[in-house]
Amino acid sequence: MTPKRVLPGLPDAMRRHPFLGDTLLATALALTATGLALIESSPERHLPTTPADLAGFVLAVIAVAARRRFTVAALGVSVAGVTVLTAVAHHQDPALTAAIVLLTYTVATRTEQRTAWLTAGGVAALLTIGTLVWAPLNGHRLSTIAVIGVGAAIGDATRSRLAYVAEVEQRARQTEQSREEEARHRVAQERIRIARDIHDVIAHHIAAVKVLAAGARRIVDHRPEQVTPALEHISQLADDVLKEMGSVIGLLRHEPDRDVLTIEPTRGLADLQRLIGDFTATGLCVERRQIGVSRELPAMADLVAYRIIQEGLTNARKYGDGRAHLTIEYTSTGLTVDIVNKVGERRSGQSFGYGILGMGERVAANGGRFTVGHAEGNAFSIRAELSAPAP
């Protein structure tokens, strides 16, 4: 079925062509003003067919038609035309006077309040002076001044309303933009958080599985009795990584009936001994030292401390010489974790990867301080100061 073609109406054409709309408005305004003047004219003066009346009519149409592009110039020409016609015909032209009122309104909508009222006052003063000089018997001086004042007042109110609407729309756009930016920021933060968890889980467990599998392959022919414990440890690590990956996937899905806090892996320093045992099984010698009395930490600080130790020891196993020094210090304001390891001969050019970046982000989210870099004696140091005030 072919849709009907809708012909553009007059209002649409006027919106697309403002000059056409202003010309029609000027013609209607001039005809209305002339008609009112005919109604109020004396019997001796039947039709405004004098050259002065015709000139005023044409000048009013031109001035209103050009009010959008040449507002001030059109107003000045109209005031000058009224003054000249008053001097010639000894009465104010009604069409041109109506055009002046509309032009005063247009000026008021485009300028500030003080300028609009000064312009209206100046126009009213000039018209009054011209009437007093050349048409002293004209009784429409007060009505002309009042109409010009009303035009200026309406224009000023229109400008204020348009400015208010524009401000409201701008604030609405800014609010919507801020809401969208906040949503994008939250999505980005959640993606970074999930990436950290996936990296910590996979990097540690898969690296441990790789080391244990390589060791089992080397000892299978010479010491077969040690293969079974290695395979059991690999199976245990695989179970752990599956559980933690399930937690991370649950965080990605974010099921409505599950709390976000229950989705987050609940690792902490309570599992530290098991973690060190995993590293020991893969051949890393961890020297652990504790300063201060251990205490229960907030959930976030506890998890961050565990992840820092996990990632730091993973780096020590990958890039070190097989030994790592772990120092945990409890203070009144928080917890400090230090991990130092010698850099292996083939790993002297150790670079900072996603693991170091993730540790820094975790510590920053906790409100602590994180430092990492090479130390004296070809050593690599990781230090995290976590905020966890003692009760």
Protein backbone atom coordinates (compact mmCIF):
# COMPACT_ATOMS: atom_id res chain seq x y z
CA MET A 1 0.00 0.00 0.00
CA THR A 2 1.47 3.32 -1.11
CA PRO A 3 1.53 5.90 1.70
CA LYS A 4 -0.26 9.14 1.09
CA ARG A 5 1.91 12.10 0.32
CA VAL A 6 1.38 14.89 2.81
CA LEU A 7 1.71 18.33 1.30
CA PRO A 8 3.63 20.83 3.41
CA GLY A 9 1.37 23.34 5.09
CA LEU A 10 1.84 27.06 5.53
CA PRO A 11 3.31 26.84 9.08
CA ASP A 12 5.98 24.39 7.87
CA ALA A 13 6.89 26.64 4.97
CA MET A 14 7.12 29.62 7.34
CA ARG A 15 9.46 27.70 9.65
CA ARG A 16 11.68 26.70 6.74
CA HIS A 17 11.64 30.23 5.24
CA PRO A 18 11.57 32.87 8.02
CA PHE A 19 11.67 35.75 5.52
CA LEU A 20 8.43 34.52 3.93
CA GLY A 21 6.78 34.26 7.33
CA ASP A 22 7.94 37.75 8.35
CA THR A 23 6.67 39.18 5.06
CA LEU A 24 3.23 37.66 5.57
CA LEU A 25 3.26 38.84 9.19
CA ALA A 26 4.22 42.35 8.11
CA THR A 27 1.44 42.46 5.50
CA ALA A 28 -1.17 41.25 7.98
CA LEU A 29 0.05 43.71 10.61
CA ALA A 30 0.01 46.62 8.21
CA LEU A 31 -3.47 45.73 6.91
CA THR A 32 -4.80 45.37 10.48
CA ALA A 33 -3.31 48.69 11.58
CA THR A 34 -4.66 50.43 8.48
CA GLY A 35 -8.09 48.90 9.03
CA LEU A 36 -8.20 50.11 12.63
CA ALA A 37 -7.13 53.56 11.47
CA LEU A 38 -10.00 53.59 8.94
CA ILE A 39 -12.48 52.64 11.64
CA GLU A 40 -11.31 55.46 13.89
CA SER A 41 -10.83 58.03 11.09
CA SER A 42 -13.08 61.05 10.71
CA PRO A 43 -15.70 61.20 7.96
CA GLU A 44 -13.62 63.77 6.10
CA ARG A 45 -10.75 61.26 5.68
CA HIS A 46 -12.10 58.19 3.94
CA LEU A 47 -9.14 56.14 2.62
CA PRO A 48 -5.40 56.45 3.32
CA THR A 49 -4.52 56.82 -0.33
CA THR A 50 -2.04 59.65 0.01
CA PRO A 51 1.58 59.01 -1.01
CA ALA A 52 2.61 59.36 2.63
CA ASP A 53 0.20 56.61 3.70
CA LEU A 54 1.35 54.33 0.89
CA ALA A 55 5.02 54.95 1.74
CA GLY A 56 4.36 54.14 5.40
CA PHE A 57 2.57 50.92 4.44
CA VAL A 58 5.44 49.74 2.19
CA LEU A 59 8.12 50.76 4.70
CA ALA A 60 6.31 48.85 7.48
CA VAL A 61 6.18 45.67 5.38
CA ILE A 62 9.90 45.93 4.49
CA ALA A 63 10.96 46.67 8.08
CA VAL A 64 9.07 43.74 9.59
CA ALA A 65 10.21 41.39 6.82
CA ALA A 66 13.85 42.25 7.62
CA ARG A 67 13.48 42.16 11.42
CA ARG A 68 15.43 38.89 11.91
CA ARG A 69 18.60 39.85 10.04
CA PHE A 70 18.60 43.65 10.45
CA THR A 71 16.70 44.20 13.67
CA VAL A 72 18.35 47.43 14.88
CA ALA A 73 18.62 48.91 11.38
CA ALA A 74 14.96 48.14 10.64
CA LEU A 75 13.90 49.76 13.92
CA GLY A 76 15.97 52.87 13.21
CA VAL A 77 14.58 53.21 9.69
CA SER A 78 11.03 52.76 10.97
CA VAL A 79 11.44 55.46 13.63
CA ALA A 80 12.95 57.80 11.07
CA GLY A 81 10.11 57.02 8.64
CA VAL A 82 7.46 57.76 11.27
CA THR A 83 9.16 61.04 12.11
CA VAL A 84 9.34 62.10 8.46
CA LEU A 85 5.73 61.08 7.72
CA THR A 86 4.54 62.89 10.85
CA ALA A 87 6.28 66.03 9.65
CA VAL A 88 4.74 65.64 6.19
CA ALA A 89 1.23 64.37 6.93
CA HIS A 90 0.93 65.72 10.53
CA HIS A 91 -0.14 62.34 11.90
CA GLN A 92 1.61 59.06 12.77
CA ASP A 93 1.28 56.28 10.23
CA PRO A 94 -0.58 53.38 11.93
CA ALA A 95 1.10 50.59 9.94
CA LEU A 96 4.58 51.94 10.62
CA THR A 97 3.75 52.48 14.31
CA ALA A 98 2.65 48.83 14.58
CA ALA A 99 5.88 47.77 12.89
CA ILE A 100 7.88 49.76 15.47
CA VAL A 101 6.08 47.94 18.30
CA LEU A 102 6.92 44.56 16.76
CA LEU A 103 10.54 45.60 16.16
CA THR A 104 10.82 46.77 19.78
CA TYR A 105 9.58 43.35 20.87
CA THR A 106 12.18 41.68 18.64
CA VAL A 107 14.99 43.81 20.09
CA ALA A 108 13.87 42.93 23.62
CA THR A 109 14.00 39.20 22.84
CA ARG A 110 17.60 39.45 21.61
CA THR A 111 19.25 41.82 24.09
CA GLU A 112 19.58 42.08 27.83
CA GLN A 113 16.89 43.73 29.92
CA ARG A 114 18.65 47.07 30.40
CA THR A 115 19.36 47.50 26.69
CA ALA A 116 15.78 46.54 25.76
CA TRP A 117 14.20 49.10 28.07
CA LEU A 118 16.63 51.83 27.04
CA THR A 119 15.79 51.14 23.40
CA ALA A 120 12.04 51.22 24.10
CA GLY A 121 12.39 54.46 26.07
CA GLY A 122 14.42 56.08 23.30
CA VAL A 123 11.92 55.07 20.63
CA ALA A 124 8.98 56.34 22.71
CA ALA A 125 10.80 59.63 23.36
CA LEU A 126 11.54 60.19 19.68
CA LEU A 127 7.95 59.46 18.65
CA THR A 128 6.62 61.75 21.37
CA ILE A 129 8.92 64.59 20.37
CA GLY A 130 7.94 64.20 16.71
CA THR A 131 4.26 64.27 17.59
CA LEU A 132 4.63 67.33 19.80
CA VAL A 133 6.51 69.21 17.10
CA TRP A 134 4.52 68.29 13.99
CA ALA A 135 1.17 66.91 15.23
CA PRO A 136 0.40 68.61 18.56
CA LEU A 137 -3.33 67.89 18.24
CA ASN A 138 -2.78 64.12 17.94
CA GLY A 139 -4.33 62.44 20.95
CA HIS A 140 -2.61 59.06 20.59
CA ARG A 141 0.74 59.95 22.19
CA LEU A 142 0.09 58.13 25.47
CA SER A 143 -1.37 55.08 23.76
CA THR A 144 1.67 54.81 21.45
CA ILE A 145 4.07 55.00 24.40
CA ALA A 146 2.05 52.39 26.28
CA VAL A 147 1.97 50.01 23.31
CA ILE A 148 5.74 50.32 22.85
CA GLY A 149 6.23 49.61 26.57
CA VAL A 150 3.99 46.55 26.33
CA GLY A 151 5.96 45.28 23.33
CA ALA A 152 9.23 45.70 25.23
CA ALA A 153 7.78 43.98 28.30
CA ILE A 154 6.48 41.01 26.30
CA GLY A 155 9.81 40.71 24.48
CA ASP A 156 11.76 40.80 27.74
CA ALA A 157 9.49 38.15 29.27
CA THR A 158 9.86 35.99 26.16
CA ARG A 159 13.65 36.29 26.30
CA SER A 160 13.67 35.36 29.99
CA ARG A 161 11.43 32.36 29.38
CA LEU A 162 13.55 31.15 26.46
CA ALA A 163 16.73 31.58 28.50
CA TYR A 164 15.16 29.63 31.37
CA VAL A 165 14.04 26.83 29.05
CA ALA A 166 17.51 26.69 27.45
CA GLU A 167 19.14 26.52 30.89
CA VAL A 168 16.81 23.74 31.99
CA GLU A 169 17.49 21.79 28.80
CA GLN A 170 21.25 22.31 29.20
CA ARG A 171 21.14 21.06 32.78
CA ALA A 172 19.08 18.07 31.69
CA ARG A 173 21.63 17.26 28.99
CA GLN A 174 24.49 17.64 31.46
CA THR A 175 22.71 15.42 33.98
CA GLU A 176 22.08 12.77 31.36
CA GLN A 177 25.68 12.99 30.17
CA SER A 178 26.96 12.71 33.74
CA ARG A 179 24.71 9.72 34.32
CA GLU A 180 26.01 8.02 31.18
CA GLU A 181 29.62 8.80 32.09
CA GLU A 182 29.08 7.43 35.58
CA ALA A 183 27.56 4.27 34.14
CA ARG A 184 30.50 3.85 31.74
CA HIS A 185 32.91 4.47 34.62
CA ARG A 186 31.25 1.82 36.75
CA VAL A 187 31.31 -0.67 33.90
CA ALA A 188 35.01 0.04 33.32
CA GLN A 189 35.79 -0.35 37.03
CA GLU A 190 33.87 -3.63 37.16
CA ARG A 191 35.73 -4.91 34.10
CA ILE A 192 39.08 -4.03 35.70
CA ARG A 193 38.04 -5.74 38.91
CA ILE A 194 37.02 -8.91 37.07
CA ALA A 195 40.24 -8.84 35.02
CA ARG A 196 42.27 -8.66 38.25
CA ASP A 197 40.46 -11.65 39.71
CA ILE A 198 40.85 -13.72 36.55
CA HIS A 199 44.54 -12.86 36.34
CA ASP A 200 45.21 -13.67 40.00
CA VAL A 201 43.34 -16.96 39.83
CA ILE A 202 44.78 -18.19 36.53
CA ALA A 203 48.34 -16.88 36.93
CA HIS A 204 48.88 -18.58 40.27
CA HIS A 205 47.13 -21.90 39.80
CA ILE A 206 48.07 -22.57 36.18
CA ALA A 207 51.70 -21.67 36.83
CA ALA A 208 51.74 -24.05 39.81
CA VAL A 209 50.17 -26.80 37.73
CA LYS A 210 52.76 -26.26 35.02
CA VAL A 211 55.65 -26.51 37.49
CA LEU A 212 54.26 -29.63 39.14
CA ALA A 213 53.55 -31.29 35.80
CA ALA A 214 57.06 -30.56 34.56
CA GLY A 215 58.52 -31.96 37.80
CA ALA A 216 56.40 -35.11 37.58
CA ARG A 217 57.56 -35.67 34.02
CA ARG A 218 61.19 -35.49 35.10
CA ILE A 219 60.86 -37.87 38.06
CA VAL A 220 58.50 -40.43 36.53
CA ASP A 221 61.35 -42.71 35.46
CA HIS A 222 63.69 -42.28 38.46
CA ARG A 223 61.36 -41.76 41.44
CA PRO A 224 57.91 -42.97 40.45
CA GLU A 225 56.72 -42.99 44.09
CA GLN A 226 56.78 -39.12 44.06
CA VAL A 227 54.59 -38.82 40.98
CA THR A 228 51.36 -39.65 42.83
CA PRO A 229 51.67 -36.79 45.39
CA ALA A 230 52.46 -34.39 42.56
CA LEU A 231 49.42 -35.49 40.60
CA GLU A 232 47.23 -35.18 43.72
CA HIS A 233 48.51 -31.66 44.23
CA ILE A 234 47.77 -30.84 40.59
CA SER A 235 44.24 -32.18 41.03
CA GLN A 236 43.77 -30.07 44.15
CA LEU A 237 44.99 -26.95 42.37
CA ALA A 238 42.65 -27.69 39.47
CA ASP A 239 39.72 -27.93 41.90
CA ASP A 240 40.71 -24.62 43.46
CA VAL A 241 40.96 -22.81 40.15
CA LEU A 242 37.60 -24.21 39.04
CA LYS A 243 35.94 -22.97 42.22
CA GLU A 244 37.43 -19.50 41.97
CA MET A 245 36.69 -19.27 38.26
CA GLY A 246 33.10 -20.22 39.09
CA SER A 247 32.99 -17.32 41.53
CA VAL A 248 34.37 -14.92 38.92
CA ILE A 249 31.89 -16.15 36.30
CA GLY A 250 29.11 -15.65 38.82
CA LEU A 251 30.32 -12.08 39.21
CA LEU A 252 30.17 -11.65 35.44
CA ARG A 253 26.64 -13.02 35.27
CA HIS A 254 25.63 -11.11 38.43
CA GLU A 255 22.55 -13.21 39.01
CA PRO A 256 19.77 -11.25 40.77
CA ASP A 257 19.30 -13.84 43.53
CA ARG A 258 22.98 -13.73 44.54
CA ASP A 259 24.68 -11.05 46.56
CA VAL A 260 27.79 -9.48 45.07
CA LEU A 261 29.66 -9.99 48.33
CA THR A 262 29.03 -13.73 48.17
CA ILE A 263 30.28 -13.85 44.58
CA GLU A 264 33.64 -12.27 45.45
CA PRO A 265 36.26 -14.97 46.23
CA THR A 266 36.56 -15.09 50.03
CA ARG A 267 40.29 -15.72 50.26
CA GLY A 268 42.20 -14.23 53.18
CA LEU A 269 45.25 -14.54 55.39
CA ALA A 270 43.59 -17.49 57.11
CA ASP A 271 44.54 -19.50 53.99
CA LEU A 272 48.09 -18.14 53.94
CA GLN A 273 49.69 -21.34 55.24
CA ARG A 274 48.02 -23.35 52.49
CA LEU A 275 49.11 -20.81 49.91
CA ILE A 276 52.73 -20.99 51.04
CA GLY A 277 52.44 -24.78 50.97
CA ASP A 278 51.39 -24.61 47.32
CA PHE A 279 54.46 -22.55 46.48
CA THR A 280 56.71 -24.83 48.49
CA ALA A 281 55.39 -27.81 46.55
CA THR A 282 56.42 -26.12 43.31
CA GLY A 283 59.99 -25.57 44.54
CA LEU A 284 59.84 -22.02 45.92
CA CYS A 285 61.44 -21.59 49.35
CA VAL A 286 59.44 -18.95 51.25
CA GLU A 287 60.93 -17.42 54.39
CA ARG A 288 58.02 -15.98 56.33
CA ARG A 289 58.36 -13.45 59.15
CA GLN A 290 55.62 -11.75 61.14
CA ILE A 291 55.92 -8.53 63.14
CA GLY A 292 53.21 -7.65 65.63
CA VAL A 293 50.23 -9.58 66.88
CA SER A 294 47.90 -10.90 64.18
CA ARG A 295 44.28 -9.81 64.33
CA GLU A 296 41.13 -10.05 62.28
CA LEU A 297 41.16 -7.66 59.34
CA PRO A 298 38.31 -6.10 57.38
CA ALA A 299 37.17 -8.33 54.53
CA MET A 300 38.53 -6.05 51.81
CA ALA A 301 41.96 -5.60 53.43
CA ASP A 302 42.16 -9.33 54.16
CA LEU A 303 41.45 -10.24 50.52
CA VAL A 304 43.85 -7.58 49.18
CA ALA A 305 46.66 -8.82 51.46
CA TYR A 306 46.10 -12.39 50.29
CA ARG A 307 46.12 -11.39 46.61
CA ILE A 308 49.27 -9.28 47.06
CA ILE A 309 51.12 -12.19 48.64
CA GLN A 310 49.79 -14.61 46.00
CA GLU A 311 50.87 -12.46 43.06
CA GLY A 312 54.18 -11.44 44.66
CA LEU A 313 55.20 -15.03 45.34
CA THR A 314 54.07 -16.04 41.85
CA ASN A 315 56.43 -13.42 40.40
CA ALA A 316 59.20 -14.62 42.71
CA ARG A 317 58.73 -18.18 41.47
CA LYS A 318 58.71 -17.13 37.83
CA TYR A 319 61.51 -14.56 37.85
CA GLY A 320 63.50 -15.28 41.01
CA ASP A 321 66.22 -17.68 42.06
CA GLY A 322 63.93 -20.00 44.02
CA ARG A 323 63.82 -18.09 47.32
CA ALA A 324 61.50 -15.33 48.56
CA HIS A 325 61.34 -13.37 51.82
CA LEU A 326 57.83 -12.54 53.05
CA THR A 327 57.35 -10.09 55.92
CA ILE A 328 53.92 -9.33 57.38
CA GLU A 329 53.75 -6.47 59.87
CA TYR A 330 50.67 -5.59 61.91
CA THR A 331 50.52 -1.94 62.99
CA SER A 332 47.94 0.17 64.75
CA THR A 333 46.87 1.72 61.43
CA GLY A 334 46.94 -1.29 59.15
CA LEU A 335 48.99 -4.07 57.65
CA THR A 336 52.27 -3.97 55.72
CA VAL A 337 53.33 -6.73 53.33
CA ASP A 338 56.93 -6.94 52.07
CA ILE A 339 58.07 -9.47 49.47
CA VAL A 340 61.73 -9.52 48.40
CA ASN A 341 63.38 -12.01 46.08
CA LYS A 342 66.62 -12.27 44.19
CA VAL A 343 66.19 -11.89 40.45
CA GLY A 344 67.33 -14.91 38.45
CA GLU A 345 70.25 -14.61 36.08
CA ARG A 346 68.04 -14.95 33.02
CA ARG A 347 65.39 -12.61 34.42
CA SER A 348 67.45 -9.51 35.10
CA GLY A 349 65.28 -7.55 32.70
CA GLN A 350 62.07 -8.29 34.59
CA SER A 351 59.26 -5.96 33.47
CA PHE A 352 56.03 -4.86 35.10
CA GLY A 353 52.99 -6.70 33.77
CA TYR A 354 49.30 -6.93 34.55
CA GLY A 355 50.01 -8.59 37.90
CA ILE A 356 51.92 -5.57 39.22
CA LEU A 357 49.26 -3.26 37.80
CA GLY A 358 46.49 -5.27 39.47
CA MET A 359 48.28 -5.19 42.84
CA GLY A 360 48.61 -1.42 42.65
CA GLU A 361 44.92 -1.05 41.81
CA ARG A 362 43.88 -3.27 44.71
CA VAL A 363 46.00 -1.34 47.20
CA ALA A 364 44.73 2.00 45.85
CA ALA A 365 41.12 0.81 46.21
CA ASN A 366 41.91 -0.02 49.83
CA GLY A 367 43.31 3.46 50.40
CA GLY A 368 46.86 2.27 50.99
CA ARG A 369 50.30 2.76 49.43
CA PHE A 370 52.05 0.47 46.97
CA THR A 371 55.71 0.53 45.92
CA VAL A 372 57.54 -1.87 43.64
CA GLY A 373 60.94 -1.92 42.00
CA HIS A 374 64.48 -3.23 42.03
CA ALA A 375 66.42 -3.14 45.29
CA GLU A 376 70.08 -3.53 46.21
CA GLY A 377 71.86 -6.77 45.50
CA ASN A 378 69.93 -7.62 42.32
CA ALA A 379 66.72 -7.99 44.30
CA PHE A 380 63.11 -7.22 43.45
CA SER A 381 60.89 -5.71 46.14
CA ILE A 382 57.13 -5.38 46.55
CA ARG A 383 55.70 -3.38 49.45
CA ALA A 384 52.03 -2.81 50.17
CA GLU A 385 50.77 -0.72 53.08
CA LEU A 386 47.08 -1.47 53.65
CA SER A 387 44.67 0.60 55.67
CA ALA A 388 43.12 -1.51 58.45
CA PRO A 389 43.04 0.42 61.76
CA ALA A 390 42.99 -1.68 64.88
CA PRO A 391 39.75 -1.54 66.89
